[in-house]
Every structure is written in structure tokens, then in C-alpha cells.
Protein backbone atom coordinates (compact mmCIF):
# COMPACT_ATOMS: atom_id res chain seq x y z
CA MET A 1 10.05 -14.98 -26.33
CA THR A 2 10.37 -18.39 -24.57
CA THR A 3 7.42 -19.11 -22.30
CA GLY A 4 6.33 -22.18 -20.31
CA TRP A 5 8.71 -23.92 -17.87
CA ALA A 6 11.46 -23.60 -20.41
CA GLY A 7 11.14 -19.83 -20.15
CA LEU A 8 12.63 -19.95 -16.63
CA LEU A 9 15.81 -21.49 -18.02
CA ALA A 10 16.23 -19.10 -20.96
CA PRO A 11 19.51 -17.11 -21.15
CA GLY A 12 19.32 -14.10 -18.88
CA ARG A 13 16.77 -15.75 -16.58
CA ARG A 14 18.12 -19.06 -15.36
CA GLY A 15 20.80 -17.39 -13.28
CA ALA A 16 18.31 -15.25 -11.42
CA VAL A 17 15.83 -18.11 -10.94
CA GLY A 18 18.60 -20.39 -9.67
CA VAL A 19 19.93 -17.82 -7.16
CA LEU A 20 16.42 -16.93 -5.90
CA CYS A 21 15.43 -20.51 -5.57
CA GLY A 22 18.74 -21.32 -3.95
CA GLY A 23 18.23 -18.68 -1.23
CA VAL A 24 14.75 -19.91 -0.37
CA LEU A 25 15.93 -23.54 -0.35
CA LEU A 26 18.61 -22.55 2.21
CA PHE A 27 15.94 -21.02 4.43
CA ALA A 28 13.59 -23.98 3.95
CA ILE A 29 16.20 -26.70 4.65
CA ASP A 30 17.40 -24.91 7.77
CA THR A 31 13.84 -24.63 9.05
CA TYR A 32 13.55 -28.43 9.08
CA VAL A 33 17.16 -29.62 9.60
CA THR A 34 17.55 -28.32 13.17
CA ALA A 35 14.81 -30.51 14.63
CA SER A 36 16.78 -33.64 13.59
CA LEU A 37 20.01 -32.20 15.15
CA LEU A 38 18.76 -30.84 18.41
CA PRO A 39 18.82 -34.00 20.52
CA SER A 40 22.49 -34.59 19.52
CA ALA A 41 23.37 -30.96 20.06
CA ILE A 42 21.78 -30.88 23.50
CA ALA A 43 23.69 -34.01 24.51
CA GLU A 44 26.89 -32.17 23.84
CA ILE A 45 26.29 -28.54 24.77
CA GLY A 46 23.30 -28.87 27.17
CA GLY A 47 20.38 -26.37 27.37
CA GLU A 48 17.53 -28.82 27.17
CA ARG A 49 15.13 -26.35 28.92
CA PHE A 50 15.56 -24.00 25.89
CA TYR A 51 14.62 -26.68 23.41
CA SER A 52 11.51 -24.89 22.10
CA TRP A 53 13.26 -21.61 21.90
CA VAL A 54 15.44 -22.79 19.03
CA VAL A 55 12.44 -22.45 16.70
CA THR A 56 11.07 -19.28 18.33
CA VAL A 57 14.29 -17.22 18.02
CA TYR A 58 14.54 -18.29 14.37
CA LEU A 59 11.02 -17.37 13.17
CA LEU A 60 10.74 -14.07 15.04
CA PRO A 61 13.61 -12.28 13.29
CA ALA A 62 12.69 -13.96 10.06
CA THR A 63 9.25 -12.40 10.19
CA VAL A 64 10.58 -8.93 11.06
CA ALA A 65 13.27 -9.19 8.29
CA SER A 66 10.78 -10.14 5.68
CA ALA A 67 8.70 -7.02 6.63
CA LEU A 68 11.77 -4.92 5.86
CA THR A 69 12.37 -6.24 2.33
CA GLY A 70 10.92 -3.24 0.63
CA ARG A 71 13.02 -0.98 2.78
CA ALA A 72 16.21 -3.01 1.98
CA LEU A 73 15.53 -2.56 -1.76
CA ALA A 74 15.02 1.14 -1.33
CA VAL A 75 18.38 1.54 0.29
CA TRP A 76 20.52 -1.07 -1.55
CA SER A 77 20.76 -2.49 -5.06
CA ALA A 78 19.23 -5.91 -5.67
CA ARG A 79 22.59 -7.63 -5.76
CA ARG A 80 23.87 -5.92 -2.63
CA ALA A 81 20.68 -6.68 -0.67
CA TYR A 82 20.65 -10.33 -1.67
CA THR A 83 24.38 -10.70 -0.98
CA LEU A 84 23.98 -9.20 2.49
CA ALA A 85 21.05 -11.48 3.19
CA ALA A 86 22.87 -14.62 2.14
CA ALA A 87 26.01 -13.54 3.98
CA THR A 88 24.03 -12.89 7.14
CA PHE A 89 22.49 -16.37 6.89
CA ALA A 90 25.99 -17.90 6.40
CA VAL A 91 27.32 -16.02 9.52
CA GLY A 92 24.41 -17.27 11.62
CA THR A 93 24.97 -20.82 10.45
CA ALA A 94 28.67 -20.59 11.19
CA ILE A 95 27.85 -19.48 14.77
CA ASP A 96 25.64 -22.51 15.11
CA ALA A 97 28.35 -24.82 13.85
CA LEU A 98 30.90 -23.49 16.42
CA ALA A 99 28.40 -22.96 19.32
CA PRO A 100 29.92 -24.01 22.67
CA SER A 101 26.66 -23.58 24.48
CA MET A 102 22.90 -23.29 23.93
CA ALA A 103 23.04 -19.50 24.49
CA VAL A 104 25.49 -19.15 21.52
CA LEU A 105 23.38 -21.49 19.41
CA LEU A 106 20.33 -19.34 20.02
CA VAL A 107 22.24 -16.20 18.94
CA GLY A 108 23.16 -18.04 15.70
CA ARG A 109 19.59 -19.07 15.14
CA ALA A 110 18.46 -15.41 15.47
CA VAL A 111 21.05 -14.27 12.94
CA GLN A 112 20.05 -17.10 10.63
CA GLY A 113 16.42 -16.16 10.86
CA ALA A 114 17.19 -12.47 10.02
CA GLY A 115 19.12 -13.53 6.91
CA GLY A 116 16.67 -16.22 5.91
CA GLY A 117 13.64 -13.99 6.23
CA LEU A 118 15.31 -11.43 4.00
CA LEU A 119 16.27 -14.01 1.47
CA ALA A 120 12.71 -15.29 1.26
CA GLY A 121 11.24 -11.79 1.04
CA LEU A 122 13.69 -10.71 -1.66
CA ALA A 123 12.85 -13.80 -3.70
CA TYR A 124 9.38 -12.65 -4.63
CA ALA A 125 10.34 -9.01 -4.90
CA LEU A 126 13.26 -9.69 -7.29
CA LEU A 127 11.32 -12.38 -9.25
CA ARG A 128 8.96 -9.54 -10.18
CA THR A 129 11.66 -7.76 -12.07
CA ALA A 130 13.74 -10.76 -13.18
CA LEU A 131 10.89 -12.34 -15.14
CA PRO A 132 8.23 -11.12 -17.52
CA ARG A 133 4.69 -11.07 -16.24
CA GLU A 134 3.67 -14.23 -18.08
CA LEU A 135 6.25 -16.23 -16.10
CA TRP A 136 5.43 -14.99 -12.63
CA THR A 137 3.10 -17.88 -11.83
CA ARG A 138 5.62 -20.49 -12.80
CA GLY A 139 8.43 -18.58 -11.08
CA SER A 140 6.32 -18.41 -7.87
CA ALA A 141 5.68 -22.18 -8.13
CA ALA A 142 9.41 -22.87 -8.50
CA ILE A 143 10.28 -20.76 -5.46
CA SER A 144 7.46 -22.25 -3.38
CA ALA A 145 8.47 -25.80 -4.41
CA MET A 146 11.77 -25.20 -2.49
CA TRP A 147 9.82 -25.54 0.74
CA GLY A 148 8.66 -29.08 -0.28
CA VAL A 149 12.28 -29.89 -1.24
CA GLY A 150 13.41 -28.53 2.13
CA LEU A 151 10.94 -30.68 3.97
CA LEU A 152 12.48 -33.74 2.31
CA VAL A 153 16.19 -32.76 2.43
CA GLY A 154 16.29 -31.05 5.82
CA PRO A 155 15.34 -34.01 8.05
CA LEU A 156 17.47 -36.32 5.90
CA LEU A 157 20.56 -34.09 6.12
CA GLY A 158 20.16 -33.63 9.87
CA GLY A 159 19.46 -37.32 10.42
CA VAL A 160 22.58 -38.46 8.54
CA PHE A 161 24.86 -36.15 10.49
CA ALA A 162 23.12 -36.78 13.83
CA GLU A 163 23.38 -40.59 13.29
CA ALA A 164 27.13 -40.20 12.63
CA GLY A 165 27.51 -38.11 15.81
CA LEU A 166 28.64 -35.07 13.80
CA TRP A 167 25.69 -32.71 14.22
CA ARG A 168 27.90 -29.69 13.60
CA GLY A 169 28.71 -31.05 10.13
CA ALA A 170 25.17 -30.24 8.90
CA PHE A 171 25.68 -26.58 9.81
CA VAL A 172 29.14 -26.61 8.12
CA THR A 173 27.53 -28.03 4.97
CA MET A 174 24.95 -25.20 5.07
CA VAL A 175 27.67 -22.60 5.44
CA GLY A 176 29.30 -24.01 2.33
CA VAL A 177 26.11 -23.89 0.32
CA SER A 178 25.36 -20.35 1.63
CA LEU A 179 28.75 -19.15 0.38
CA LEU A 180 28.06 -20.67 -3.03
CA VAL A 181 24.85 -18.64 -3.16
CA VAL A 182 26.81 -15.54 -2.17
CA LEU A 183 29.35 -16.13 -4.97
CA ALA A 184 26.58 -16.76 -7.55
CA VAL A 185 24.74 -13.49 -6.84
CA PRO A 186 26.82 -11.11 -9.04
CA ALA A 187 26.31 -13.29 -12.16
CA GLY A 188 22.82 -14.56 -11.33
CA LEU A 189 21.28 -11.09 -10.69
CA ARG A 190 23.31 -9.04 -13.16
CA ARG A 191 20.32 -8.61 -15.50
CA VAL A 192 17.82 -7.70 -12.86
CA ALA A 193 16.67 -4.26 -13.83
CA PRO A 194 18.16 -1.56 -11.57
CA ARG A 195 15.63 0.58 -9.73
CA PRO A 196 15.65 4.31 -10.26
CA PRO A 197 16.64 6.42 -7.29
CA ALA A 198 13.73 6.66 -4.91
CA ALA A 199 12.77 9.44 -2.59
CA ARG A 200 13.81 8.61 0.99
CA THR A 201 10.77 7.59 2.96
CA PRO A 202 10.45 7.34 6.81
CA PHE A 203 11.41 4.04 8.43
CA PRO A 204 8.18 1.99 9.06
CA LEU A 205 8.87 1.70 12.76
CA GLY A 206 5.30 1.43 13.90
CA SER A 207 4.47 -1.35 11.40
CA VAL A 208 7.65 -3.24 12.17
CA LEU A 209 6.93 -3.11 15.92
CA LEU A 210 3.43 -4.40 15.40
CA VAL A 211 4.54 -7.20 13.11
CA GLY A 212 7.36 -8.18 15.48
CA GLY A 213 5.01 -7.90 18.44
CA ALA A 214 2.49 -10.27 16.93
CA ALA A 215 5.18 -12.77 15.95
CA ALA A 216 6.75 -12.55 19.43
CA VAL A 217 3.42 -13.10 21.22
CA LEU A 218 2.57 -16.12 19.01
CA SER A 219 6.06 -17.61 19.48
CA VAL A 220 6.06 -17.19 23.30
CA SER A 221 2.45 -18.23 23.78
CA GLY A 222 3.11 -21.30 21.63
CA LEU A 223 5.63 -22.50 24.20
CA ALA A 224 2.82 -22.75 26.72
CA VAL A 225 1.36 -25.72 24.86
CA SER A 226 4.60 -27.39 23.77
CA GLY A 227 5.69 -30.64 25.29
CA SER A 228 3.57 -33.00 27.36
CA GLY A 229 1.35 -32.40 30.39
CA VAL A 230 -0.21 -29.15 29.19
CA GLY A 231 -2.72 -27.91 31.71
CA ALA A 232 -5.62 -25.53 31.60
CA ARG A 233 -3.35 -22.66 32.46
CA GLY A 234 -1.17 -23.39 29.50
CA ILE A 235 -4.13 -23.60 27.13
CA LEU A 236 -5.47 -20.22 28.46
CA VAL A 237 -2.09 -18.61 27.98
CA ALA A 238 -1.79 -19.91 24.42
CA ALA A 239 -5.40 -18.92 23.52
CA GLY A 240 -4.81 -15.51 25.06
CA GLY A 241 -1.75 -15.14 22.92
CA LEU A 242 -3.71 -15.87 19.83
CA VAL A 243 -6.20 -13.10 20.70
CA VAL A 244 -3.51 -10.58 21.50
CA ALA A 245 -1.66 -11.38 18.33
CA LEU A 246 -4.77 -10.98 16.22
CA ALA A 247 -5.45 -7.63 17.95
CA LEU A 248 -1.93 -6.48 17.03
CA LEU A 249 -2.44 -7.49 13.45
CA VAL A 250 -5.75 -5.51 13.42
CA ALA A 251 -3.79 -2.56 14.82
CA LEU A 252 -1.25 -2.99 12.03
CA VAL A 253 -4.06 -2.62 9.41
CA VAL A 254 -5.41 0.44 11.16
CA HIS A 255 -1.91 1.97 11.37
CA GLU A 256 -1.11 1.35 7.70
CA ARG A 257 -4.41 2.81 6.53
CA ARG A 258 -3.52 6.19 7.98
CA PRO A 259 -2.65 8.80 5.33
CA GLY A 260 1.06 9.31 5.02
CA ALA A 261 1.94 6.35 7.17
CA ALA A 262 5.29 4.59 6.52
CA ARG A 263 3.97 1.13 5.42
CA VAL A 264 5.19 -2.35 4.89
CA LEU A 265 2.02 -3.31 2.95
CA PRO A 266 1.26 -1.80 -0.48
CA LEU A 267 -1.39 0.90 -0.73
CA ALA A 268 -3.48 -1.33 -2.97
CA THR A 269 -4.18 -3.56 0.05
CA PHE A 270 -6.53 -0.94 1.35
CA THR A 271 -8.10 0.23 -1.95
CA ARG A 272 -11.85 0.06 -1.74
CA GLY A 273 -13.17 -2.62 -4.02
CA GLY A 274 -9.69 -4.05 -4.65
CA SER A 275 -8.76 -7.74 -4.40
CA LEU A 276 -5.24 -7.58 -2.92
CA ALA A 277 -6.38 -7.87 0.70
CA ALA A 278 -8.39 -10.96 -0.18
CA VAL A 279 -5.31 -12.42 -1.95
CA TYR A 280 -3.22 -11.99 1.18
CA LEU A 281 -5.95 -13.41 3.48
CA THR A 282 -6.48 -16.43 1.25
CA ALA A 283 -2.70 -17.05 1.13
CA ALA A 284 -2.48 -16.72 4.92
CA VAL A 285 -5.29 -19.27 5.40
CA LEU A 286 -3.61 -21.81 3.10
CA ILE A 287 -0.20 -21.43 4.72
CA GLY A 288 -1.77 -21.54 8.16
CA ILE A 289 -3.61 -24.77 7.65
CA SER A 290 -0.38 -26.50 6.59
CA ALA A 291 0.80 -26.20 10.24
CA VAL A 292 -0.91 -29.56 10.91
CA GLU A 293 2.03 -31.37 9.41
CA ALA A 294 4.00 -30.89 12.69
CA PHE A 295 1.51 -33.11 14.51
CA VAL A 296 0.91 -35.76 11.83
CA PRO A 297 3.85 -38.02 12.89
CA LEU A 298 2.59 -37.82 16.49
CA PHE A 299 -0.88 -39.05 15.50
CA GLY A 300 0.61 -41.59 13.13
CA GLN A 301 2.53 -43.22 15.97
CA ARG A 302 0.00 -42.91 18.79
CA LEU A 303 -3.21 -43.59 16.86
CA GLY A 304 -2.07 -45.31 13.67
CA GLY A 305 0.49 -47.59 15.31
CA LEU A 306 3.22 -46.56 12.78
CA ASP A 307 6.89 -46.66 13.68
CA PRO A 308 8.66 -43.27 13.58
CA VAL A 309 10.05 -43.66 10.05
CA TRP A 310 6.66 -44.39 8.44
CA ALA A 311 4.97 -41.77 10.66
CA GLY A 312 7.43 -39.28 9.28
CA PHE A 313 6.61 -40.33 5.71
CA LEU A 314 2.95 -39.79 6.49
CA GLY A 315 3.76 -36.26 7.51
CA VAL A 316 5.33 -35.65 4.04
CA ALA A 317 2.02 -36.36 2.26
CA LEU A 318 0.90 -32.78 2.68
CA ALA A 319 4.15 -31.35 1.29
CA CYS A 320 4.05 -33.74 -1.66
CA GLY A 321 0.49 -32.67 -2.47
CA TRP A 322 1.61 -29.05 -2.20
CA VAL A 323 4.50 -29.46 -4.67
CA VAL A 324 2.50 -31.60 -7.17
CA GLY A 325 -0.45 -29.20 -7.01
CA GLU A 326 1.48 -26.04 -7.66
CA MET A 327 3.53 -27.52 -10.56
CA ALA A 328 0.38 -28.84 -12.25
CA SER A 329 -1.56 -25.67 -11.59
CA ALA A 330 1.17 -23.36 -12.85
CA SER A 331 1.52 -25.47 -15.95
CA VAL A 332 -2.18 -25.50 -16.82
CA GLY A 333 -2.99 -21.88 -15.99
CA ARG A 334 -6.64 -20.98 -15.20
CA GLY A 335 -5.73 -18.89 -12.21
CA ARG A 336 -9.21 -17.86 -11.22
CA LEU A 337 -10.44 -21.51 -11.18
CA ALA A 338 -7.33 -22.62 -9.22
CA VAL A 339 -7.71 -19.92 -6.55
CA GLY A 340 -11.33 -20.90 -6.11
CA ILE A 341 -10.70 -24.69 -6.01
CA GLY A 342 -7.61 -24.55 -3.70
CA PRO A 343 -9.35 -23.80 -0.41
CA LEU A 344 -12.23 -26.15 -1.27
CA LEU A 345 -9.75 -29.01 -1.62
CA GLY A 346 -8.42 -28.09 1.81
CA VAL A 347 -11.90 -28.24 3.23
CA ALA A 348 -12.46 -31.71 1.65
CA GLY A 349 -9.10 -32.95 2.96
CA PHE A 350 -9.75 -31.82 6.55
CA ALA A 351 -13.29 -33.11 6.46
CA LEU A 352 -11.96 -36.55 5.50
CA LEU A 353 -9.24 -36.38 8.20
CA THR A 354 -11.77 -35.37 10.83
CA VAL A 355 -14.15 -38.29 10.27
CA THR A 356 -11.50 -41.02 9.88
CA GLN A 357 -9.49 -40.56 13.14
CA THR A 358 -9.71 -44.21 14.05
CA PRO A 359 -6.99 -46.90 14.22
CA GLY A 360 -6.51 -48.64 10.91
CA ALA A 361 -7.53 -45.63 8.78
CA VAL A 362 -3.96 -44.48 7.96
CA GLY A 363 -4.70 -44.77 4.22
CA TRP A 364 -7.55 -42.32 4.46
CA TRP A 365 -5.31 -39.94 6.43
CA ALA A 366 -2.78 -39.94 3.69
CA VAL A 367 -5.51 -39.13 1.14
CA GLY A 368 -6.82 -36.32 3.35
CA LEU A 369 -3.37 -34.82 3.83
CA LEU A 370 -2.67 -35.07 0.07
CA LEU A 371 -5.91 -33.30 -0.66
CA ALA A 372 -5.05 -30.50 1.79
CA GLY A 373 -1.57 -30.15 0.32
CA LEU A 374 -3.04 -30.09 -3.24
CA GLY A 375 -5.36 -27.26 -2.07
CA VAL A 376 -2.36 -25.13 -1.00
CA GLY A 377 -0.37 -25.93 -4.09
CA VAL A 378 -3.13 -25.42 -6.65
CA ALA A 379 -3.85 -21.89 -5.47
CA TRP A 380 -0.49 -20.66 -4.19
CA PRO A 381 1.38 -19.74 -7.46
CA HIS A 382 -1.61 -17.73 -8.75
CA LEU A 383 -2.03 -15.95 -5.40
CA ALA A 384 1.67 -15.08 -5.40
CA ALA A 385 1.55 -13.83 -8.97
CA GLY A 386 -1.64 -11.87 -8.22
CA ALA A 387 0.03 -10.26 -5.19
CA MET A 388 3.08 -9.26 -7.28
CA ALA A 389 0.78 -7.68 -9.87
CA GLY A 390 -1.50 -6.10 -7.34
CA GLY A 391 0.95 -3.62 -5.79
CA GLY A 392 2.10 -1.96 -8.98
CA ALA A 393 -1.05 0.10 -9.70
CA ALA A 394 -2.73 1.02 -6.45
CA ASP A 395 -5.00 3.46 -8.27
CA ASP A 396 -5.94 0.85 -10.95
CA THR A 397 -5.15 3.32 -13.71
CA GLY A 398 -2.47 1.40 -15.47
CA PRO A 399 -0.35 -1.70 -15.57
CA PRO A 400 1.90 -2.57 -12.67
CA ASP A 401 5.36 -0.93 -12.77
CA PRO A 402 7.94 -3.57 -11.97
CA ASP A 403 10.40 -0.94 -10.68
CA ASP A 404 8.25 0.88 -8.13
CA ALA A 405 8.39 0.63 -4.29
CA GLU A 406 4.74 -0.43 -4.19
CA GLY A 407 5.53 -3.47 -6.23
CA ASP A 408 8.41 -4.30 -3.91
CA ARG A 409 6.10 -3.99 -0.92
CA ALA A 410 3.41 -6.17 -2.54
CA SER A 411 5.88 -8.91 -3.40
CA ALA A 412 7.82 -8.82 -0.12
CA ALA A 413 4.58 -8.94 1.83
CA ILE A 414 3.97 -12.42 0.56
CA THR A 415 6.79 -13.73 2.72
CA MET A 416 5.88 -11.59 5.71
CA ILE A 417 2.35 -12.89 5.63
CA GLN A 418 3.65 -16.44 5.14
CA MET A 419 5.77 -16.17 8.28
CA LEU A 420 2.88 -14.71 10.34
CA ALA A 421 0.55 -17.39 8.99
CA VAL A 422 3.00 -20.11 10.04
CA ALA A 423 3.15 -18.70 13.51
CA LEU A 424 -0.70 -18.28 13.71
CA GLY A 425 -1.28 -21.76 12.35
CA ALA A 426 1.20 -23.38 14.78
CA ALA A 427 -0.32 -21.54 17.74
CA PHE A 428 -3.83 -22.55 16.75
CA ALA A 429 -2.80 -26.14 16.17
CA GLY A 430 -1.09 -26.24 19.51
CA VAL A 431 -4.18 -25.07 21.32
CA ALA A 432 -6.43 -27.50 19.42
CA VAL A 433 -4.22 -30.44 20.28
CA ALA A 434 -3.92 -29.40 23.91
CA LEU A 435 -7.68 -29.08 24.26
CA GLY A 436 -7.91 -32.84 23.56
CA GLY A 437 -5.88 -33.59 26.63
CA ASP A 438 -4.64 -37.18 26.93
CA ASP A 439 -7.26 -38.40 24.36
CA THR A 440 -5.37 -38.72 21.13
CA VAL A 441 -8.46 -39.17 19.02
CA THR A 442 -10.07 -36.02 20.43
CA SER A 443 -6.95 -33.99 19.94
CA ALA A 444 -6.76 -35.14 16.28
CA VAL A 445 -10.46 -34.31 15.68
CA TYR A 446 -10.09 -30.85 17.28
CA LEU A 447 -7.02 -30.18 15.17
CA TYR A 448 -8.27 -31.32 11.75
CA GLY A 449 -11.89 -30.05 12.35
CA GLY A 450 -10.56 -26.66 13.43
CA MET A 451 -8.30 -26.32 10.42
CA GLY A 452 -11.20 -27.38 8.24
CA MET A 453 -13.19 -24.43 9.57
CA VAL A 454 -10.27 -22.14 8.85
CA ALA A 455 -10.13 -23.51 5.33
CA VAL A 456 -13.82 -22.57 4.95
CA LEU A 457 -12.78 -19.00 5.72
CA GLY A 458 -10.21 -19.25 2.95
CA ALA A 459 -12.88 -20.47 0.59
CA LEU A 460 -14.88 -17.31 1.28
CA THR A 461 -11.94 -14.90 0.83
CA ALA A 462 -10.98 -16.70 -2.38
CA VAL A 463 -14.26 -15.54 -4.01
CA ARG A 464 -12.80 -12.02 -4.01
CA ALA A 465 -9.12 -13.15 -4.48
CA ARG A 466 -10.04 -14.69 -7.81
CA ALA A 467 -10.28 -11.30 -9.41
CA ALA A 468 -6.47 -10.84 -9.08
CA ALA A 469 -5.54 -14.27 -10.55
């Protein structure tokens, strides 16, 4: 049997890997492309006061849809579920391309988010059955690398069309790529093992409401610290939103622990002495701390004196570290060591960033961001593979079954937690920056120092998470 990176391209696997990576790449590119297009779109269709909502109405349905991945696979076959997800994304993108007003554009973004969240959730769930266990780490790295590619391609694609005055063309291009993914699904996923008929289980309404509520609170409260001139009231609203969202997530855990509850998380998450909960927490911390990349160009321009182009390149340093780290880590193996080292690299990176926030230290900032990105990348593929393995045997009496519903929940939960971590990280970052007021140095120190403390939490949870790697 072919192993290593070549194993992903072996006959019977490359089609599935290509389709799954393609779906995640669509979601990733669209996450970043819109920011480049918005100024041009607003100039034509108006709606500037809803600028911040374009991201909010995208991430909220994406989070809810990712939570329903297990349910989708219980109702539909893998090929049907993935086709519906990609088609939904294509429809939402087409609505954006034709939008005559901001209201219609927001509807399209919501539909896109639903399709994209399901695509991302299905990627890990189907990877679990499309590849043998020894390739899960490399497969997870390949899927995660699509976010780094999206960070590079998205702004470039949006910038090219915006510069040409053809902002709708970017969405038209995305529709075309989405349809190619739809057409590739039958052949790409034809060898994904079919699931045996499963007993119908209740719809996890309570869990979905709690997940959606937490995402909604984070998204709305984040608007309170977006833009300039944020006052004390806005900071209090955003901080309060963080507290309420965390309370809702605690309620989610309490609800899912109830015997007989319809769940979106696998039962193994709540097994006494298990490591799956620590895997999810460590993954959430690593994804959450990456939210700083949204503010790097701002600090690069205001404090580092960089022009917008070079400030943008500085922001890519974290993504580059992420991609390089995960490819190297997945190639070398040593999952337990990687999971332990990842958060420590994040701590080191943010410590360096915190103490070097002075004009002229741009080089050190790049090193710090690269370290933080390496921390995410080094640990991520092993955490994802550990999560996929962790849901298949909740009672720890045998190997994971790649066809069971628990495995689907465990794999799909990776994306749900990723979406929630993005929202949590963005809200935390917004509050930290706003606390600095008009003092750019103070804002940067609060942001990087605060994220460094979060990374310390990840280093602590990683001690337990290493058992699953």
C-alpha cells in the first residue's frame, strides 16, 4: 500500500482528496476575496452601513451548517451531501454576482456560508472514510493547507477584479469553479465507502440553537468594536458578548452530556479520562490565536510605517508559517511531540511580538508571526487526525469504526469548533485592540500579549491532547 504524500495521489484516492480539498479551497478563497471587493461593490450598489455584516452573515450559517454535518451524512449519501453543499455554495455565489443591492448581497452571503460550512465539515468526515488511518495526518494537512492558499489567492483574485472595475467577475469565477467541483463529485467520491443504514435519531435542535446562539452573539458583539472611534460602551458590549457566548458554549456541553441527548459532538468528548475534549480545546486555541492576522496590516502601516502592499505581505507571514509547519510536521510524524510543541511555539511567537512593538522592529514582527503560524501548523494535522480517530470508539474497547455516526460527529466537529474559534478569536482580538484606544502601541501589546496568554492555555490542554496524537 502506498503511504507518504504519494499515498494521497494513489488511484482510488486522488479523486476524493482533490474534491475535498477543492471544496475547502472554495470556502477559504471566498472568506478572503470579499474584503477586496467590498469597496467596489458598495460604490455601485450602496449599503455602506452594512459593511461589517457581510462577514457576520457568512460565518453564522457556516458555523450552524458545520454542526449539522453528521446529520447530513445520516440522511444522505456522501456524494449527495457533498453535491448539495457545493451546489448551495454555487447558488449563493451566483446571487452575489447578480446582487442589485446590499440586501440581496447579504442573502447571497448567508447561502454561501451555509454551503461553505457544510463543505468544510464534510471534508474531514469524508476524509476519514476515503483514506486509510495512516494517511489521515497528511490528508488533514492537505485540507488545512487550503486555508493558506485561500489567504494568498483570495485577496489577489478580488484585487484584480476590483482594480478592473469588474467586482462581479470574481463571484462569476467562483461560480464556475463551484460547478466544476459539483461535476467532479460523482467520480471523485465514487470509492468512498457507503454507510450502512442508520437508525433515525432525533434532530439535535437544542445543540444547534446553542451553537448558533453563541456564533450570533459573537458576530453581533464584534460589530461593537469594528471601525474607528470605539468608545467604552462598545468595549463593554463586545466584552459582554464574549461572556454570553462562553456561557452558551458551557450550556452546550451540559446539554450534550445529558443521557439520550441528540448531540453534535461525539460521546467520546465526555468520556472520563479521555483525551478528545483536550484535542478540541487545543485546536480551538490554535485557531483562535490566528485571528491576529486581521490586525497585522493595520499595525504594519500605523506603527511600522509600511505601505499597504507590504503591510499586507506582513500579514501573510502567519499563514506561511501555518502551511510550512503542517506540511513538515505531517511528513515527519511524531504526533505527540508536535502537539506539545505547537502551542509553545505560539507562546514564543506572541512573546516576541509583545516585547517588540516599536517602530523599526518589523523584522522581529515577521519572525514572531512566523513562529505563531508554525505553532498552529505543527500541531494541527495531528490534532485533526486524533479527533477523527477519537470518535470511533467512545468506550475505548476497540479500534475506531470509519462508518459509524460517532466518527462522523468527531470529524465534523473539527470544522464546527474551527468556526466558533474564529469567531471567539476575532471578538477577543477586537476587544484587546479597542482597549488600547488611540495608542497603537498599547493596542498591539494588548492584542499580542492577550493572545500569548491564550496560547499558554493551549499549552496546558496539549498535555492531555498528546495522548490522542
